[in-house]
């Protein structure tokens, strides 16, 4: 195992994050315009669901909603074609499913932690 591997458990996601940060720093586009361009590019390259999932939060923070995504799909359809738009629609839905499932899992974990804390506080109060 190399020294870099021991220090970094997530090299792929760290690299993608660094690339995204560099892209943001080197672009004069406002975040909303940048996300519109990124979504259009994802459609054009027939990106997998995970790529849409990774961009869901930045898109939301940039005030992109599902109506905007629909407008982007309509705008790029004449260029990329029906097959890519249909594929993108399915991958977007699947990617949002990933995001929702992750949020549910995080919420469940938080609720479990709160319940454990409450149980511990009640047990301490009884002593």
N, C-alpha and C. Protein backbone atom coordinates (compact mmCIF):
# COMPACT_ATOMS: atom_id res chain seq x y z
N UNK A 1 0.85 -1.19 0.00
CA UNK A 1 0.00 0.00 0.00
C UNK A 1 0.89 1.24 0.00
N UNK A 2 0.59 2.16 -0.88
CA UNK A 2 1.41 3.37 -0.97
C UNK A 2 1.06 4.33 0.15
N UNK A 3 1.95 5.29 0.36
CA UNK A 3 1.73 6.30 1.39
C UNK A 3 0.46 7.09 1.11
N UNK A 4 0.19 7.39 -0.16
CA UNK A 4 -1.01 8.13 -0.54
C UNK A 4 -2.28 7.36 -0.20
N UNK A 5 -2.26 6.03 -0.35
CA UNK A 5 -3.43 5.22 -0.07
C UNK A 5 -3.74 5.19 1.43
N UNK A 6 -2.71 5.22 2.26
CA UNK A 6 -2.95 5.18 3.69
C UNK A 6 -3.53 6.49 4.20
N UNK A 7 -3.18 7.60 3.54
CA UNK A 7 -3.67 8.90 3.97
C UNK A 7 -5.03 9.24 3.40
N UNK A 8 -5.42 8.57 2.32
CA UNK A 8 -6.61 8.97 1.59
C UNK A 8 -7.47 7.75 1.29
N UNK A 9 -8.60 7.62 1.99
CA UNK A 9 -9.46 6.46 1.80
C UNK A 9 -10.45 6.64 0.65
N UNK A 10 -10.58 7.86 0.15
CA UNK A 10 -11.55 8.12 -0.92
C UNK A 10 -10.89 8.89 -2.07
N UNK A 11 -9.91 8.30 -2.72
CA UNK A 11 -9.18 9.06 -3.75
C UNK A 11 -10.04 9.46 -4.94
N UNK A 12 -10.99 8.63 -5.34
CA UNK A 12 -11.80 8.98 -6.51
C UNK A 12 -12.71 10.15 -6.19
N UNK A 13 -13.46 10.06 -5.09
CA UNK A 13 -14.36 11.17 -4.77
C UNK A 13 -13.59 12.44 -4.44
N UNK A 14 -12.42 12.30 -3.82
CA UNK A 14 -11.60 13.48 -3.54
C UNK A 14 -11.12 14.14 -4.82
N UNK A 15 -10.75 13.33 -5.81
CA UNK A 15 -10.31 13.86 -7.10
C UNK A 15 -11.46 14.57 -7.81
N UNK A 16 -12.65 13.94 -7.80
CA UNK A 16 -13.82 14.58 -8.42
C UNK A 16 -14.16 15.89 -7.74
N UNK A 17 -14.07 15.92 -6.41
CA UNK A 17 -14.33 17.15 -5.67
C UNK A 17 -13.32 18.23 -6.04
N UNK A 18 -12.05 17.86 -6.11
CA UNK A 18 -11.01 18.82 -6.48
C UNK A 18 -11.24 19.36 -7.89
N UNK A 19 -11.63 18.47 -8.81
CA UNK A 19 -11.91 18.90 -10.18
C UNK A 19 -13.09 19.87 -10.22
N UNK A 20 -14.11 19.58 -9.43
CA UNK A 20 -15.29 20.45 -9.39
C UNK A 20 -14.93 21.81 -8.82
N UNK A 21 -14.15 21.82 -7.75
CA UNK A 21 -13.73 23.09 -7.14
C UNK A 21 -12.92 23.91 -8.14
N UNK A 22 -12.00 23.26 -8.83
CA UNK A 22 -11.19 23.95 -9.84
C UNK A 22 -12.08 24.51 -10.95
N UNK A 23 -13.06 23.73 -11.37
CA UNK A 23 -13.99 24.18 -12.41
C UNK A 23 -14.73 25.43 -11.95
N UNK A 24 -15.22 25.41 -10.71
CA UNK A 24 -15.95 26.56 -10.18
C UNK A 24 -15.05 27.79 -10.09
N UNK A 25 -13.82 27.58 -9.63
CA UNK A 25 -12.89 28.70 -9.47
C UNK A 25 -12.49 29.32 -10.81
N UNK A 26 -12.44 28.50 -11.86
CA UNK A 26 -11.97 28.98 -13.16
C UNK A 26 -13.09 29.38 -14.11
N UNK A 27 -14.31 29.36 -13.65
CA UNK A 27 -15.44 29.73 -14.50
C UNK A 27 -16.02 31.06 -14.05
N UNK A 28 -16.40 31.86 -15.02
CA UNK A 28 -17.06 33.13 -14.71
C UNK A 28 -18.58 32.99 -14.68
N UNK A 29 -19.08 31.76 -14.90
CA UNK A 29 -20.52 31.53 -14.85
C UNK A 29 -21.00 31.60 -13.41
N UNK A 30 -22.20 32.13 -13.23
CA UNK A 30 -22.80 32.08 -11.90
C UNK A 30 -23.20 30.62 -11.64
N UNK A 31 -23.33 30.22 -10.37
CA UNK A 31 -23.59 28.82 -10.07
C UNK A 31 -24.78 28.21 -10.82
N UNK A 32 -25.86 28.96 -10.97
CA UNK A 32 -27.03 28.44 -11.68
C UNK A 32 -26.69 28.12 -13.14
N UNK A 33 -26.02 29.05 -13.81
CA UNK A 33 -25.64 28.81 -15.21
C UNK A 33 -24.67 27.64 -15.32
N UNK A 34 -23.75 27.54 -14.38
CA UNK A 34 -22.79 26.44 -14.39
C UNK A 34 -23.51 25.10 -14.24
N UNK A 35 -24.49 25.03 -13.36
CA UNK A 35 -25.23 23.78 -13.17
C UNK A 35 -26.08 23.44 -14.39
N UNK A 36 -26.63 24.44 -15.05
CA UNK A 36 -27.38 24.19 -16.29
C UNK A 36 -26.45 23.58 -17.33
N UNK A 37 -25.25 24.14 -17.46
CA UNK A 37 -24.27 23.60 -18.41
C UNK A 37 -23.87 22.17 -18.02
N UNK A 38 -23.68 21.93 -16.73
CA UNK A 38 -23.28 20.59 -16.29
C UNK A 38 -24.38 19.57 -16.55
N UNK A 39 -25.63 19.93 -16.28
CA UNK A 39 -26.73 19.00 -16.53
C UNK A 39 -26.84 18.71 -18.02
N UNK A 40 -26.72 19.74 -18.84
CA UNK A 40 -26.76 19.53 -20.29
C UNK A 40 -25.62 18.61 -20.74
N UNK A 41 -24.45 18.79 -20.16
CA UNK A 41 -23.32 17.93 -20.51
C UNK A 41 -23.55 16.50 -20.06
N UNK A 42 -24.14 16.32 -18.89
CA UNK A 42 -24.45 14.97 -18.41
C UNK A 42 -25.39 14.26 -19.38
N UNK A 43 -26.38 14.99 -19.86
CA UNK A 43 -27.31 14.41 -20.84
C UNK A 43 -26.55 14.04 -22.11
N UNK A 44 -25.70 14.94 -22.58
CA UNK A 44 -24.98 14.74 -23.83
C UNK A 44 -24.06 13.53 -23.80
N UNK A 45 -23.47 13.24 -22.64
CA UNK A 45 -22.54 12.11 -22.56
C UNK A 45 -23.22 10.84 -22.07
N UNK A 46 -24.55 10.88 -21.92
CA UNK A 46 -25.32 9.74 -21.42
C UNK A 46 -24.79 9.27 -20.07
N UNK A 47 -24.69 10.22 -19.16
CA UNK A 47 -24.14 9.95 -17.83
C UNK A 47 -25.01 8.97 -17.04
N UNK A 48 -24.39 8.19 -16.18
CA UNK A 48 -25.14 7.25 -15.34
C UNK A 48 -25.86 7.98 -14.21
N UNK A 49 -26.75 7.27 -13.56
CA UNK A 49 -27.55 7.82 -12.47
C UNK A 49 -26.68 8.43 -11.36
N UNK A 50 -25.56 7.78 -11.06
CA UNK A 50 -24.69 8.27 -9.98
C UNK A 50 -24.19 9.69 -10.28
N UNK A 51 -23.94 10.00 -11.54
CA UNK A 51 -23.48 11.35 -11.89
C UNK A 51 -24.55 12.39 -11.60
N UNK A 52 -25.80 12.05 -11.89
CA UNK A 52 -26.89 12.97 -11.57
C UNK A 52 -27.04 13.10 -10.05
N UNK A 53 -26.88 11.99 -9.34
CA UNK A 53 -26.98 12.02 -7.87
C UNK A 53 -25.91 12.95 -7.29
N UNK A 54 -24.69 12.87 -7.83
CA UNK A 54 -23.60 13.71 -7.32
C UNK A 54 -23.85 15.19 -7.58
N UNK A 55 -24.65 15.50 -8.58
CA UNK A 55 -24.93 16.89 -8.91
C UNK A 55 -26.26 17.40 -8.37
N UNK A 56 -27.01 16.54 -7.71
CA UNK A 56 -28.34 16.93 -7.22
C UNK A 56 -28.28 18.03 -6.17
N UNK A 57 -27.40 17.90 -5.20
CA UNK A 57 -27.32 18.91 -4.15
C UNK A 57 -26.79 20.24 -4.70
N UNK A 58 -25.67 20.23 -5.46
CA UNK A 58 -25.24 21.52 -6.02
C UNK A 58 -26.31 22.16 -6.91
N UNK A 59 -27.06 21.35 -7.64
CA UNK A 59 -28.12 21.91 -8.49
C UNK A 59 -29.20 22.56 -7.63
N UNK A 60 -29.58 21.89 -6.56
CA UNK A 60 -30.60 22.43 -5.67
C UNK A 60 -30.12 23.73 -5.02
N UNK A 61 -28.88 23.74 -4.57
CA UNK A 61 -28.31 24.94 -3.96
C UNK A 61 -28.27 26.09 -4.97
N UNK A 62 -28.14 25.74 -6.25
CA UNK A 62 -28.11 26.76 -7.31
C UNK A 62 -29.50 27.12 -7.81
N UNK A 63 -30.52 26.69 -7.08
CA UNK A 63 -31.92 26.99 -7.42
C UNK A 63 -32.38 26.34 -8.72
N UNK A 64 -31.83 25.18 -9.04
CA UNK A 64 -32.32 24.40 -10.17
C UNK A 64 -33.39 23.46 -9.63
N UNK A 65 -34.56 23.48 -10.24
CA UNK A 65 -35.62 22.56 -9.81
C UNK A 65 -35.98 21.62 -10.96
N UNK A 66 -36.94 20.74 -10.73
CA UNK A 66 -37.29 19.75 -11.76
C UNK A 66 -37.85 20.40 -13.02
N UNK A 67 -38.53 21.53 -12.89
CA UNK A 67 -39.01 22.25 -14.08
C UNK A 67 -37.83 22.74 -14.92
N UNK A 68 -36.78 23.20 -14.25
CA UNK A 68 -35.58 23.63 -14.97
C UNK A 68 -34.93 22.46 -15.69
N UNK A 69 -34.87 21.31 -15.01
CA UNK A 69 -34.27 20.12 -15.63
C UNK A 69 -35.08 19.72 -16.87
N UNK A 70 -36.40 19.79 -16.76
CA UNK A 70 -37.25 19.49 -17.91
C UNK A 70 -36.95 20.46 -19.06
N UNK A 71 -36.78 21.74 -18.74
CA UNK A 71 -36.46 22.73 -19.77
C UNK A 71 -35.10 22.45 -20.41
N UNK A 72 -34.14 22.00 -19.60
CA UNK A 72 -32.82 21.65 -20.13
C UNK A 72 -32.95 20.47 -21.09
N UNK A 73 -33.73 19.46 -20.71
CA UNK A 73 -33.94 18.29 -21.58
C UNK A 73 -34.58 18.70 -22.90
N UNK A 74 -35.56 19.59 -22.83
CA UNK A 74 -36.21 20.08 -24.06
C UNK A 74 -35.20 20.84 -24.92
N UNK A 75 -34.35 21.65 -24.28
CA UNK A 75 -33.38 22.46 -25.03
C UNK A 75 -32.34 21.62 -25.74
N UNK A 76 -31.89 20.54 -25.11
CA UNK A 76 -30.82 19.74 -25.72
C UNK A 76 -31.35 18.62 -26.61
N UNK A 77 -32.63 18.32 -26.54
CA UNK A 77 -33.20 17.20 -27.31
C UNK A 77 -32.88 17.27 -28.81
N UNK A 78 -33.00 18.42 -29.46
CA UNK A 78 -32.69 18.44 -30.90
C UNK A 78 -31.22 18.14 -31.20
N UNK A 79 -30.35 18.37 -30.23
CA UNK A 79 -28.92 18.15 -30.43
C UNK A 79 -28.53 16.71 -30.10
N UNK A 80 -29.00 16.20 -28.95
CA UNK A 80 -28.56 14.88 -28.48
C UNK A 80 -29.47 13.75 -28.93
N UNK A 81 -30.71 14.07 -29.25
CA UNK A 81 -31.63 13.05 -29.73
C UNK A 81 -32.51 12.43 -28.66
N UNK A 82 -33.53 11.75 -29.14
CA UNK A 82 -34.53 11.12 -28.28
C UNK A 82 -33.92 10.10 -27.33
N UNK A 83 -33.04 9.26 -27.84
CA UNK A 83 -32.48 8.19 -27.03
C UNK A 83 -31.75 8.73 -25.81
N UNK A 84 -30.95 9.76 -26.00
CA UNK A 84 -30.21 10.34 -24.87
C UNK A 84 -31.15 11.01 -23.88
N UNK A 85 -32.18 11.68 -24.37
CA UNK A 85 -33.11 12.35 -23.47
C UNK A 85 -33.89 11.33 -22.65
N UNK A 86 -34.34 10.25 -23.29
CA UNK A 86 -35.06 9.20 -22.56
C UNK A 86 -34.13 8.54 -21.54
N UNK A 87 -32.91 8.27 -21.94
CA UNK A 87 -31.93 7.68 -21.02
C UNK A 87 -31.68 8.62 -19.84
N UNK A 88 -31.50 9.90 -20.14
CA UNK A 88 -31.25 10.88 -19.08
C UNK A 88 -32.42 10.96 -18.11
N UNK A 89 -33.63 10.91 -18.64
CA UNK A 89 -34.81 10.97 -17.77
C UNK A 89 -34.80 9.82 -16.77
N UNK A 90 -34.53 8.62 -17.26
CA UNK A 90 -34.45 7.47 -16.36
C UNK A 90 -33.31 7.58 -15.36
N UNK A 91 -32.15 8.04 -15.84
CA UNK A 91 -30.99 8.17 -14.96
C UNK A 91 -31.17 9.28 -13.92
N UNK A 92 -31.84 10.35 -14.31
CA UNK A 92 -32.14 11.43 -13.36
C UNK A 92 -33.06 10.89 -12.26
N UNK A 93 -34.10 10.19 -12.66
CA UNK A 93 -35.03 9.62 -11.66
C UNK A 93 -34.30 8.66 -10.73
N UNK A 94 -33.46 7.80 -11.30
CA UNK A 94 -32.71 6.85 -10.48
C UNK A 94 -31.72 7.58 -9.56
N UNK A 95 -31.05 8.60 -10.09
CA UNK A 95 -30.12 9.37 -9.29
C UNK A 95 -30.80 10.07 -8.12
N UNK A 96 -31.99 10.63 -8.39
CA UNK A 96 -32.75 11.26 -7.30
C UNK A 96 -33.18 10.21 -6.28
N UNK A 97 -33.47 9.00 -6.75
CA UNK A 97 -33.79 7.91 -5.84
C UNK A 97 -32.62 7.62 -4.91
N UNK A 98 -31.39 7.64 -5.44
CA UNK A 98 -30.20 7.45 -4.61
C UNK A 98 -30.13 8.52 -3.53
N UNK A 99 -30.33 9.76 -3.95
CA UNK A 99 -30.23 10.89 -3.03
C UNK A 99 -31.28 10.77 -1.93
N UNK A 100 -32.50 10.41 -2.30
CA UNK A 100 -33.58 10.26 -1.33
C UNK A 100 -33.27 9.11 -0.36
N UNK A 101 -32.80 7.98 -0.89
CA UNK A 101 -32.47 6.84 -0.04
C UNK A 101 -31.35 7.19 0.93
N UNK A 102 -30.36 7.92 0.47
CA UNK A 102 -29.27 8.34 1.35
C UNK A 102 -29.78 9.28 2.43
N UNK A 103 -30.63 10.22 2.06
CA UNK A 103 -31.19 11.15 3.04
C UNK A 103 -32.03 10.40 4.08
N UNK A 104 -32.81 9.41 3.63
CA UNK A 104 -33.60 8.60 4.57
C UNK A 104 -32.71 7.84 5.52
N UNK A 105 -31.63 7.26 5.01
CA UNK A 105 -30.71 6.50 5.86
C UNK A 105 -30.05 7.41 6.88
N UNK A 106 -29.65 8.61 6.46
CA UNK A 106 -29.04 9.56 7.38
C UNK A 106 -30.03 10.00 8.45
N UNK A 107 -31.28 10.23 8.06
CA UNK A 107 -32.31 10.62 9.01
C UNK A 107 -32.57 9.51 10.02
N UNK A 108 -32.66 8.27 9.54
CA UNK A 108 -32.86 7.14 10.45
C UNK A 108 -31.72 7.04 11.45
N UNK A 109 -30.50 7.22 10.97
CA UNK A 109 -29.34 7.16 11.86
C UNK A 109 -29.40 8.26 12.92
N UNK A 110 -29.77 9.46 12.50
CA UNK A 110 -29.90 10.57 13.45
C UNK A 110 -30.98 10.28 14.49
N UNK A 111 -32.11 9.75 14.04
CA UNK A 111 -33.20 9.42 14.96
C UNK A 111 -32.78 8.34 15.95
N UNK A 112 -32.04 7.34 15.47
CA UNK A 112 -31.54 6.29 16.35
C UNK A 112 -30.58 6.86 17.39
N UNK A 113 -29.70 7.76 16.96
CA UNK A 113 -28.75 8.39 17.88
C UNK A 113 -29.49 9.22 18.93
N UNK A 114 -30.51 9.96 18.50
CA UNK A 114 -31.31 10.75 19.44
C UNK A 114 -32.02 9.85 20.44
N UNK A 115 -32.58 8.74 19.97
CA UNK A 115 -33.27 7.80 20.86
C UNK A 115 -32.30 7.20 21.86
N UNK A 116 -31.11 6.85 21.42
CA UNK A 116 -30.10 6.31 22.33
C UNK A 116 -29.71 7.34 23.37
N UNK A 117 -29.56 8.59 22.95
CA UNK A 117 -29.21 9.66 23.87
C UNK A 117 -30.32 9.87 24.89
N UNK A 118 -31.57 9.88 24.42
CA UNK A 118 -32.70 10.03 25.34
C UNK A 118 -32.77 8.88 26.33
N UNK A 119 -32.53 7.64 25.86
CA UNK A 119 -32.53 6.49 26.75
C UNK A 119 -31.43 6.61 27.79
N UNK A 120 -30.26 7.07 27.36
CA UNK A 120 -29.13 7.24 28.29
C UNK A 120 -29.44 8.32 29.32
N UNK A 121 -30.06 9.42 28.88
CA UNK A 121 -30.41 10.49 29.81
C UNK A 121 -31.49 10.03 30.80
N UNK A 122 -32.45 9.27 30.33
CA UNK A 122 -33.49 8.74 31.23
C UNK A 122 -32.90 7.77 32.23
N UNK A 123 -31.99 6.92 31.78
CA UNK A 123 -31.35 5.96 32.69
C UNK A 123 -30.51 6.70 33.72
N UNK A 124 -29.84 7.76 33.30
CA UNK A 124 -29.03 8.55 34.22
C UNK A 124 -29.91 9.27 35.24
N UNK A 125 -31.05 9.75 34.78
CA UNK A 125 -31.96 10.46 35.68
C UNK A 125 -32.57 9.52 36.72
N UNK A 126 -32.76 8.25 36.34
CA UNK A 126 -33.31 7.27 37.27
C UNK A 126 -32.31 6.85 38.34
N UNK A 127 -31.02 7.00 38.05
CA UNK A 127 -29.99 6.59 39.02
C UNK A 127 -29.84 7.57 40.10
